[in-house]
Amino acid sequence: MTKAQTFVDGLSPELKQAILNMAETLRPVLDEIHEQTPTTQKYYGDYFKILSYRPEQHKVIALALLYAGANPDGLEAAVKLM
């Protein structure tokens, strides 16, 4: 189990379900991103774009992206830019 999964498991059932639902919604978006040649190292630019739509919620979105299959290193780089 990853650190993100352990963290999410400790959240309230409502918030955990919201993250899992968001991950399901984001999975096709990530599939599309990952099918393309990366324009930034480990797709951090694409992840940053997603996170920047709701900067006040970027941590929750980042957890959902991890569950959806985002590259952890690229996602970490994107979160650091927020």
PDB file of N, CA and C in Angstrom:
ATOM      1  N   MET A   1       0.855  -1.180   0.000  1.00  0.00           N
ATOM      2  CA  MET A   1       0.000   0.000   0.000  1.00  0.00           C
ATOM      3  C   MET A   1       0.899   1.242   0.000  1.00  0.00           C
ATOM      4  N   THR A   2       0.561   2.222  -0.850  1.00  0.00           N
ATOM      5  CA  THR A   2       1.361   3.438  -0.928  1.00  0.00           C
ATOM      6  C   THR A   2       1.031   4.366   0.234  1.00  0.00           C
ATOM      7  N   LYS A   3       1.884   5.363   0.416  1.00  0.00           N
ATOM      8  CA  LYS A   3       1.627   6.355   1.471  1.00  0.00           C
ATOM      9  C   LYS A   3       0.317   7.091   1.217  1.00  0.00           C
ATOM     10  N   ALA A   4       0.053   7.385  -0.056  1.00  0.00           N
ATOM     11  CA  ALA A   4      -1.191   8.085  -0.404  1.00  0.00           C
ATOM     12  C   ALA A   4      -2.401   7.233  -0.044  1.00  0.00           C
ATOM     13  N   GLN A   5      -2.338   5.941  -0.348  1.00  0.00           N
ATOM     14  CA  GLN A   5      -3.454   5.054  -0.024  1.00  0.00           C
ATOM     15  C   GLN A   5      -3.641   4.947   1.488  1.00  0.00           C
ATOM     16  N   THR A   6      -2.560   4.860   2.224  1.00  0.00           N
ATOM     17  CA  THR A   6      -2.635   4.807   3.685  1.00  0.00           C
ATOM     18  C   THR A   6      -3.263   6.081   4.220  1.00  0.00           C
ATOM     19  N   PHE A   7      -2.847   7.223   3.672  1.00  0.00           N
ATOM     20  CA  PHE A   7      -3.399   8.508   4.110  1.00  0.00           C
ATOM     21  C   PHE A   7      -4.895   8.573   3.821  1.00  0.00           C
ATOM     22  N   VAL A   8      -5.282   8.211   2.610  1.00  0.00           N
ATOM     23  CA  VAL A   8      -6.696   8.277   2.218  1.00  0.00           C
ATOM     24  C   VAL A   8      -7.538   7.331   3.056  1.00  0.00           C
ATOM     25  N   ASP A   9      -7.006   6.176   3.389  1.00  0.00           N
ATOM     26  CA  ASP A   9      -7.746   5.230   4.220  1.00  0.00           C
ATOM     27  C   ASP A   9      -8.071   5.810   5.592  1.00  0.00           C
ATOM     28  N   GLY A  10      -7.277   6.767   6.059  1.00  0.00           N
ATOM     29  CA  GLY A  10      -7.513   7.385   7.355  1.00  0.00           C
ATOM     30  C   GLY A  10      -8.487   8.552   7.319  1.00  0.00           C
ATOM     31  N   LEU A  11      -8.951   8.928   6.137  1.00  0.00           N
ATOM     32  CA  LEU A  11      -9.882  10.055   6.012  1.00  0.00           C
ATOM     33  C   LEU A  11     -11.305   9.613   6.308  1.00  0.00           C
ATOM     34  N   SER A  12     -12.176  10.586   6.424  1.00  0.00           N
ATOM     35  CA  SER A  12     -13.590  10.265   6.629  1.00  0.00           C
ATOM     36  C   SER A  12     -14.104   9.494   5.423  1.00  0.00           C
ATOM     37  N   PRO A  13     -15.094   8.649   5.628  1.00  0.00           N
ATOM     38  CA  PRO A  13     -15.625   7.869   4.501  1.00  0.00           C
ATOM     39  C   PRO A  13     -16.104   8.737   3.340  1.00  0.00           C
ATOM     40  N   GLU A  14     -16.672   9.890   3.651  1.00  0.00           N
ATOM     41  CA  GLU A  14     -17.178  10.775   2.609  1.00  0.00           C
ATOM     42  C   GLU A  14     -16.040  11.337   1.758  1.00  0.00           C
ATOM     43  N   LEU A  15     -14.978  11.802   2.416  1.00  0.00           N
ATOM     44  CA  LEU A  15     -13.846  12.365   1.689  1.00  0.00           C
ATOM     45  C   LEU A  15     -13.110  11.281   0.910  1.00  0.00           C
ATOM     46  N   LYS A  16     -12.971  10.120   1.510  1.00  0.00           N
ATOM     47  CA  LYS A  16     -12.327   9.005   0.813  1.00  0.00           C
ATOM     48  C   LYS A  16     -13.106   8.652  -0.452  1.00  0.00           C
ATOM     49  N   GLN A  17     -14.414   8.583  -0.354  1.00  0.00           N
ATOM     50  CA  GLN A  17     -15.240   8.261  -1.523  1.00  0.00           C
ATOM     51  C   GLN A  17     -15.134   9.352  -2.577  1.00  0.00           C
ATOM     52  N   ALA A  18     -15.067  10.602  -2.153  1.00  0.00           N
ATOM     53  CA  ALA A  18     -14.924  11.709  -3.106  1.00  0.00           C
ATOM     54  C   ALA A  18     -13.611  11.593  -3.879  1.00  0.00           C
ATOM     55  N   ILE A  19     -12.535  11.230  -3.198  1.00  0.00           N
ATOM     56  CA  ILE A  19     -11.232  11.067  -3.854  1.00  0.00           C
ATOM     57  C   ILE A  19     -11.277   9.900  -4.836  1.00  0.00           C
ATOM     58  N   LEU A  20     -11.884   8.798  -4.435  1.00  0.00           N
ATOM     59  CA  LEU A  20     -11.984   7.640  -5.324  1.00  0.00           C
ATOM     60  C   LEU A  20     -12.848   7.942  -6.547  1.00  0.00           C
ATOM     61  N   ASN A  21     -13.935   8.684  -6.352  1.00  0.00           N
ATOM     62  CA  ASN A  21     -14.782   9.077  -7.481  1.00  0.00           C
ATOM     63  C   ASN A  21     -14.020   9.997  -8.432  1.00  0.00           C
ATOM     64  N   MET A  22     -13.269  10.934  -7.864  1.00  0.00           N
ATOM     65  CA  MET A  22     -12.476  11.852  -8.673  1.00  0.00           C
ATOM     66  C   MET A  22     -11.419  11.076  -9.463  1.00  0.00           C
ATOM     67  N   ALA A  23     -10.822  10.078  -8.838  1.00  0.00           N
ATOM     68  CA  ALA A  23      -9.807   9.258  -9.512  1.00  0.00           C
ATOM     69  C   ALA A  23     -10.411   8.550 -10.719  1.00  0.00           C
ATOM     70  N   GLU A  24     -11.616   8.043 -10.574  1.00  0.00           N
ATOM     71  CA  GLU A  24     -12.283   7.371 -11.691  1.00  0.00           C
ATOM     72  C   GLU A  24     -12.550   8.343 -12.833  1.00  0.00           C
ATOM     73  N   THR A  25     -12.890   9.568 -12.496  1.00  0.00           N
ATOM     74  CA  THR A  25     -13.130  10.596 -13.513  1.00  0.00           C
ATOM     75  C   THR A  25     -11.836  10.988 -14.205  1.00  0.00           C
ATOM     76  N   LEU A  26     -10.746  11.031 -13.450  1.00  0.00           N
ATOM     77  CA  LEU A  26      -9.454  11.462 -13.997  1.00  0.00           C
ATOM     78  C   LEU A  26      -8.723  10.368 -14.768  1.00  0.00           C
ATOM     79  N   ARG A  27      -9.052   9.135 -14.536  1.00  0.00           N
ATOM     80  CA  ARG A  27      -8.329   8.027 -15.179  1.00  0.00           C
ATOM     81  C   ARG A  27      -8.307   8.141 -16.710  1.00  0.00           C
ATOM     82  N   PRO A  28      -9.425   8.422 -17.389  1.00  0.00           N
ATOM     83  CA  PRO A  28      -9.365   8.568 -18.849  1.00  0.00           C
ATOM     84  C   PRO A  28      -8.509   9.756 -19.289  1.00  0.00           C
ATOM     85  N   VAL A  29      -8.509  10.811 -18.500  1.00  0.00           N
ATOM     86  CA  VAL A  29      -7.679  11.978 -18.814  1.00  0.00           C
ATOM     87  C   VAL A  29      -6.206  11.591 -18.729  1.00  0.00           C
ATOM     88  N   LEU A  30      -5.841  10.856 -17.685  1.00  0.00           N
ATOM     89  CA  LEU A  30      -4.453  10.407 -17.548  1.00  0.00           C
ATOM     90  C   LEU A  30      -4.074   9.426 -18.644  1.00  0.00           C
ATOM     91  N   ASP A  31      -4.993   8.567 -19.022  1.00  0.00           N
ATOM     92  CA  ASP A  31      -4.703   7.633 -20.116  1.00  0.00           C
ATOM     93  C   ASP A  31      -4.359   8.400 -21.391  1.00  0.00           C
ATOM     94  N   GLU A  32      -5.121   9.446 -21.663  1.00  0.00           N
ATOM     95  CA  GLU A  32      -4.862  10.285 -22.830  1.00  0.00           C
ATOM     96  C   GLU A  32      -3.487  10.956 -22.735  1.00  0.00           C
ATOM     97  N   ILE A  33      -3.185  11.484 -21.559  1.00  0.00           N
ATOM     98  CA  ILE A  33      -1.894  12.151 -21.340  1.00  0.00           C
ATOM     99  C   ILE A  33      -0.754  11.161 -21.538  1.00  0.00           C
ATOM    100  N   HIS A  34      -0.882   9.984 -20.967  1.00  0.00           N
ATOM    101  CA  HIS A  34       0.194   9.000 -20.996  1.00  0.00           C
ATOM    102  C   HIS A  34       0.390   8.363 -22.372  1.00  0.00           C
ATOM    103  N   GLU A  35      -0.607   8.467 -23.241  1.00  0.00           N
ATOM    104  CA  GLU A  35      -0.477   7.952 -24.607  1.00  0.00           C
ATOM    105  C   GLU A  35       0.388   8.866 -25.475  1.00  0.00           C
ATOM    106  N   GLN A  36       0.539  10.117 -25.054  1.00  0.00           N
ATOM    107  CA  GLN A  36       1.313  11.092 -25.822  1.00  0.00           C
ATOM    108  C   GLN A  36       2.765  11.070 -25.363  1.00  0.00           C
ATOM    109  N   THR A  37       3.614  11.603 -26.207  1.00  0.00           N
ATOM    110  CA  THR A  37       5.009  11.791 -25.817  1.00  0.00           C
ATOM    111  C   THR A  37       5.042  12.895 -24.766  1.00  0.00           C
ATOM    112  N   PRO A  38       5.717  12.675 -23.637  1.00  0.00           N
ATOM    113  CA  PRO A  38       5.737  13.710 -22.595  1.00  0.00           C
ATOM    114  C   PRO A  38       6.437  14.979 -23.085  1.00  0.00           C
ATOM    115  N   THR A  39       5.819  16.109 -22.801  1.00  0.00           N
ATOM    116  CA  THR A  39       6.442  17.392 -23.151  1.00  0.00           C
ATOM    117  C   THR A  39       7.280  17.921 -21.995  1.00  0.00           C
ATOM    118  N   THR A  40       7.062  17.366 -20.814  1.00  0.00           N
ATOM    119  CA  THR A  40       7.871  17.701 -19.635  1.00  0.00           C
ATOM    120  C   THR A  40       8.257  16.387 -18.965  1.00  0.00           C
ATOM    121  N   GLN A  41       9.294  16.444 -18.149  1.00  0.00           N
ATOM    122  CA  GLN A  41       9.782  15.236 -17.500  1.00  0.00           C
ATOM    123  C   GLN A  41       8.694  14.614 -16.634  1.00  0.00           C
ATOM    124  N   LYS A  42       8.393  13.358 -16.898  1.00  0.00           N
ATOM    125  CA  LYS A  42       7.433  12.560 -16.133  1.00  0.00           C
ATOM    126  C   LYS A  42       6.050  13.214 -16.069  1.00  0.00           C
ATOM    127  N   TYR A  43       5.722  13.976 -17.117  1.00  0.00           N
ATOM    128  CA  TYR A  43       4.400  14.586 -17.301  1.00  0.00           C
ATOM    129  C   TYR A  43       4.044  15.658 -16.265  1.00  0.00           C
ATOM    130  N   TYR A  44       5.039  16.200 -15.565  1.00  0.00           N
ATOM    131  CA  TYR A  44       4.691  17.148 -14.502  1.00  0.00           C
ATOM    132  C   TYR A  44       3.942  18.364 -15.027  1.00  0.00           C
ATOM    133  N   GLY A  45       4.210  18.784 -16.242  1.00  0.00           N
ATOM    134  CA  GLY A  45       3.510  19.937 -16.818  1.00  0.00           C
ATOM    135  C   GLY A  45       2.027  19.664 -17.019  1.00  0.00           C
ATOM    136  N   ASP A  46       1.715  18.459 -17.473  1.00  0.00           N
ATOM    137  CA  ASP A  46       0.308  18.081 -17.650  1.00  0.00           C
ATOM    138  C   ASP A  46      -0.396  17.975 -16.300  1.00  0.00           C
ATOM    139  N   TYR A  47       0.293  17.411 -15.332  1.00  0.00           N
ATOM    140  CA  TYR A  47      -0.297  17.295 -13.994  1.00  0.00           C
ATOM    141  C   TYR A  47      -0.497  18.679 -13.372  1.00  0.00           C
ATOM    142  N   PHE A  48       0.469  19.562 -13.581  1.00  0.00           N
ATOM    143  CA  PHE A  48       0.350  20.922 -13.044  1.00  0.00           C
ATOM    144  C   PHE A  48      -0.877  21.613 -13.630  1.00  0.00           C
ATOM    145  N   LYS A  49      -1.104  21.407 -14.908  1.00  0.00           N
ATOM    146  CA  LYS A  49      -2.265  22.018 -15.562  1.00  0.00           C
ATOM    147  C   LYS A  49      -3.558  21.552 -14.897  1.00  0.00           C
ATOM    148  N   ILE A  50      -3.645  20.264 -14.608  1.00  0.00           N
ATOM    149  CA  ILE A  50      -4.836  19.729 -13.939  1.00  0.00           C
ATOM    150  C   ILE A  50      -4.977  20.326 -12.538  1.00  0.00           C
ATOM    151  N   LEU A  51      -3.882  20.356 -11.802  1.00  0.00           N
ATOM    152  CA  LEU A  51      -3.925  20.880 -10.425  1.00  0.00           C
ATOM    153  C   LEU A  51      -4.285  22.355 -10.387  1.00  0.00           C
ATOM    154  N   SER A  52      -3.891  23.094 -11.401  1.00  0.00           N
ATOM    155  CA  SER A  52      -4.100  24.544 -11.386  1.00  0.00           C
ATOM    156  C   SER A  52      -5.546  24.948 -11.659  1.00  0.00           C
ATOM    157  N   TYR A  53      -6.389  24.011 -12.108  1.00  0.00           N
ATOM    158  CA  TYR A  53      -7.802  24.344 -12.301  1.00  0.00           C
ATOM    159  C   TYR A  53      -8.478  24.677 -10.981  1.00  0.00           C
ATOM    160  N   ARG A  54      -8.068  24.041  -9.928  1.00  0.00           N
ATOM    161  CA  ARG A  54      -8.615  24.271  -8.585  1.00  0.00           C
ATOM    162  C   ARG A  54      -7.452  24.341  -7.594  1.00  0.00           C
ATOM    163  N   PRO A  55      -6.689  25.434  -7.614  1.00  0.00           N
ATOM    164  CA  PRO A  55      -5.489  25.487  -6.766  1.00  0.00           C
ATOM    165  C   PRO A  55      -5.776  25.328  -5.275  1.00  0.00           C
ATOM    166  N   GLU A  56      -6.946  25.742  -4.837  1.00  0.00           N
ATOM    167  CA  GLU A  56      -7.276  25.616  -3.419  1.00  0.00           C
ATOM    168  C   GLU A  56      -7.524  24.168  -3.017  1.00  0.00           C
ATOM    169  N   GLN A  57      -7.723  23.293  -4.001  1.00  0.00           N
ATOM    170  CA  GLN A  57      -7.977  21.880  -3.727  1.00  0.00           C
ATOM    171  C   GLN A  57      -6.894  20.984  -4.310  1.00  0.00           C
ATOM    172  N   HIS A  58      -5.719  21.544  -4.582  1.00  0.00           N
ATOM    173  CA  HIS A  58      -4.699  20.777  -5.306  1.00  0.00           C
ATOM    174  C   HIS A  58      -4.223  19.526  -4.564  1.00  0.00           C
ATOM    175  N   LYS A  59      -4.252  19.533  -3.250  1.00  0.00           N
ATOM    176  CA  LYS A  59      -3.792  18.355  -2.514  1.00  0.00           C
ATOM    177  C   LYS A  59      -4.765  17.186  -2.668  1.00  0.00           C
ATOM    178  N   VAL A  60      -6.043  17.471  -2.638  1.00  0.00           N
ATOM    179  CA  VAL A  60      -7.052  16.432  -2.823  1.00  0.00           C
ATOM    180  C   VAL A  60      -6.999  15.906  -4.254  1.00  0.00           C
ATOM    181  N   ILE A  61      -6.846  16.807  -5.207  1.00  0.00           N
ATOM    182  CA  ILE A  61      -6.757  16.409  -6.612  1.00  0.00           C
ATOM    183  C   ILE A  61      -5.499  15.565  -6.835  1.00  0.00           C
ATOM    184  N   ALA A  62      -4.409  15.935  -6.177  1.00  0.00           N
ATOM    185  CA  ALA A  62      -3.166  15.165  -6.308  1.00  0.00           C
ATOM    186  C   ALA A  62      -3.357  13.738  -5.804  1.00  0.00           C
ATOM    187  N   LEU A  63      -4.052  13.568  -4.706  1.00  0.00           N
ATOM    188  CA  LEU A  63      -4.332  12.213  -4.211  1.00  0.00           C
ATOM    189  C   LEU A  63      -5.157  11.421  -5.221  1.00  0.00           C
ATOM    190  N   ALA A  64      -6.143  12.076  -5.801  1.00  0.00           N
ATOM    191  CA  ALA A  64      -6.969  11.412  -6.808  1.00  0.00           C
ATOM    192  C   ALA A  64      -6.133  11.040  -8.035  1.00  0.00           C
ATOM    193  N   LEU A  65      -5.229  11.920  -8.428  1.00  0.00           N
ATOM    194  CA  LEU A  65      -4.358  11.631  -9.565  1.00  0.00           C
ATOM    195  C   LEU A  65      -3.473  10.416  -9.282  1.00  0.00           C
ATOM    196  N   LEU A  66      -2.975  10.308  -8.060  1.00  0.00           N
ATOM    197  CA  LEU A  66      -2.172   9.128  -7.694  1.00  0.00           C
ATOM    198  C   LEU A  66      -2.990   7.854  -7.834  1.00  0.00           C
ATOM    199  N   TYR A  67      -4.207   7.888  -7.311  1.00  0.00           N
ATOM    200  CA  TYR A  67      -5.076   6.718  -7.422  1.00  0.00           C
ATOM    201  C   TYR A  67      -5.400   6.395  -8.873  1.00  0.00           C
ATOM    202  N   ALA A  68      -5.461   7.423  -9.713  1.00  0.00           N
ATOM    203  CA  ALA A  68      -5.817   7.227 -11.119  1.00  0.00           C
ATOM    204  C   ALA A  68      -4.644   6.739 -11.957  1.00  0.00           C
ATOM    205  N   GLY A  69      -3.429   6.786 -11.401  1.00  0.00           N
ATOM    206  CA  GLY A  69      -2.275   6.250 -12.121  1.00  0.00           C
ATOM    207  C   GLY A  69      -1.242   7.261 -12.566  1.00  0.00           C
ATOM    208  N   ALA A  70      -1.241   8.439 -11.965  1.00  0.00           N
ATOM    209  CA  ALA A  70      -0.238   9.443 -12.304  1.00  0.00           C
ATOM    210  C   ALA A  70       1.155   8.983 -11.887  1.00  0.00           C
ATOM    211  N   ASN A  71       2.155   9.443 -12.616  1.00  0.00           N
ATOM    212  CA  ASN A  71       3.540   9.165 -12.252  1.00  0.00           C
ATOM    213  C   ASN A  71       3.843   9.893 -10.945  1.00  0.00           C
ATOM    214  N   PRO A  72       4.209   9.185  -9.881  1.00  0.00           N
ATOM    215  CA  PRO A  72       4.425   9.834  -8.585  1.00  0.00           C
ATOM    216  C   PRO A  72       5.487  10.933  -8.614  1.00  0.00           C
ATOM    217  N   ASP A  73       6.578  10.716  -9.351  1.00  0.00           N
ATOM    218  CA  ASP A  73       7.636  11.725  -9.400  1.00  0.00           C
ATOM    219  C   ASP A  73       7.179  12.963 -10.150  1.00  0.00           C
ATOM    220  N   GLY A  74       6.482  12.770 -11.242  1.00  0.00           N
ATOM    221  CA  GLY A  74       5.966  13.914 -11.999  1.00  0.00           C
ATOM    222  C   GLY A  74       4.920  14.676 -11.204  1.00  0.00           C
ATOM    223  N   LEU A  75       4.080  13.935 -10.495  1.00  0.00           N
ATOM    224  CA  LEU A  75       3.040  14.574  -9.686  1.00  0.00           C
ATOM    225  C   LEU A  75       3.674  15.358  -8.528  1.00  0.00           C
ATOM    226  N   GLU A  76       4.683  14.787  -7.912  1.00  0.00           N
ATOM    227  CA  GLU A  76       5.367  15.488  -6.822  1.00  0.00           C
ATOM    228  C   GLU A  76       5.967  16.798  -7.324  1.00  0.00           C
ATOM    229  N   ALA A  77       6.576  16.769  -8.506  1.00  0.00           N
ATOM    230  CA  ALA A  77       7.149  17.982  -9.084  1.00  0.00           C
ATOM    231  C   ALA A  77       6.064  19.026  -9.343  1.00  0.00           C
ATOM    232  N   ALA A  78       4.911  18.594  -9.841  1.00  0.00           N
ATOM    233  CA  ALA A  78       3.807  19.513 -10.112  1.00  0.00           C
ATOM    234  C   ALA A  78       3.268  20.129  -8.830  1.00  0.00           C
ATOM    235  N   VAL A  79       3.132  19.315  -7.779  1.00  0.00           N
ATOM    236  CA  VAL A  79       2.620  19.819  -6.498  1.00  0.00           C
ATOM    237  C   VAL A  79       3.584  20.858  -5.922  1.00  0.00           C
ATOM    238  N   LYS A  80       4.879  20.633  -6.082  1.00  0.00           N
ATOM    239  CA  LYS A  80       5.861  21.585  -5.566  1.00  0.00           C
ATOM    240  C   LYS A  80       5.771  22.941  -6.262  1.00  0.00           C
ATOM    241  N   LEU A  81       5.262  22.959  -7.481  1.00  0.00           N
ATOM    242  CA  LEU A  81       5.103  24.214  -8.217  1.00  0.00           C
ATOM    243  C   LEU A  81       3.876  24.999  -7.773  1.00  0.00           C
ATOM    244  N   MET A  82       2.961  24.351  -7.094  1.00  0.00           N
ATOM    245  CA  MET A  82       1.704  25.013  -6.687  1.00  0.00           C
ATOM    246  C   MET A  82       1.950  26.063  -5.629  1.00  0.00           C
TER     247      MET A  82
END
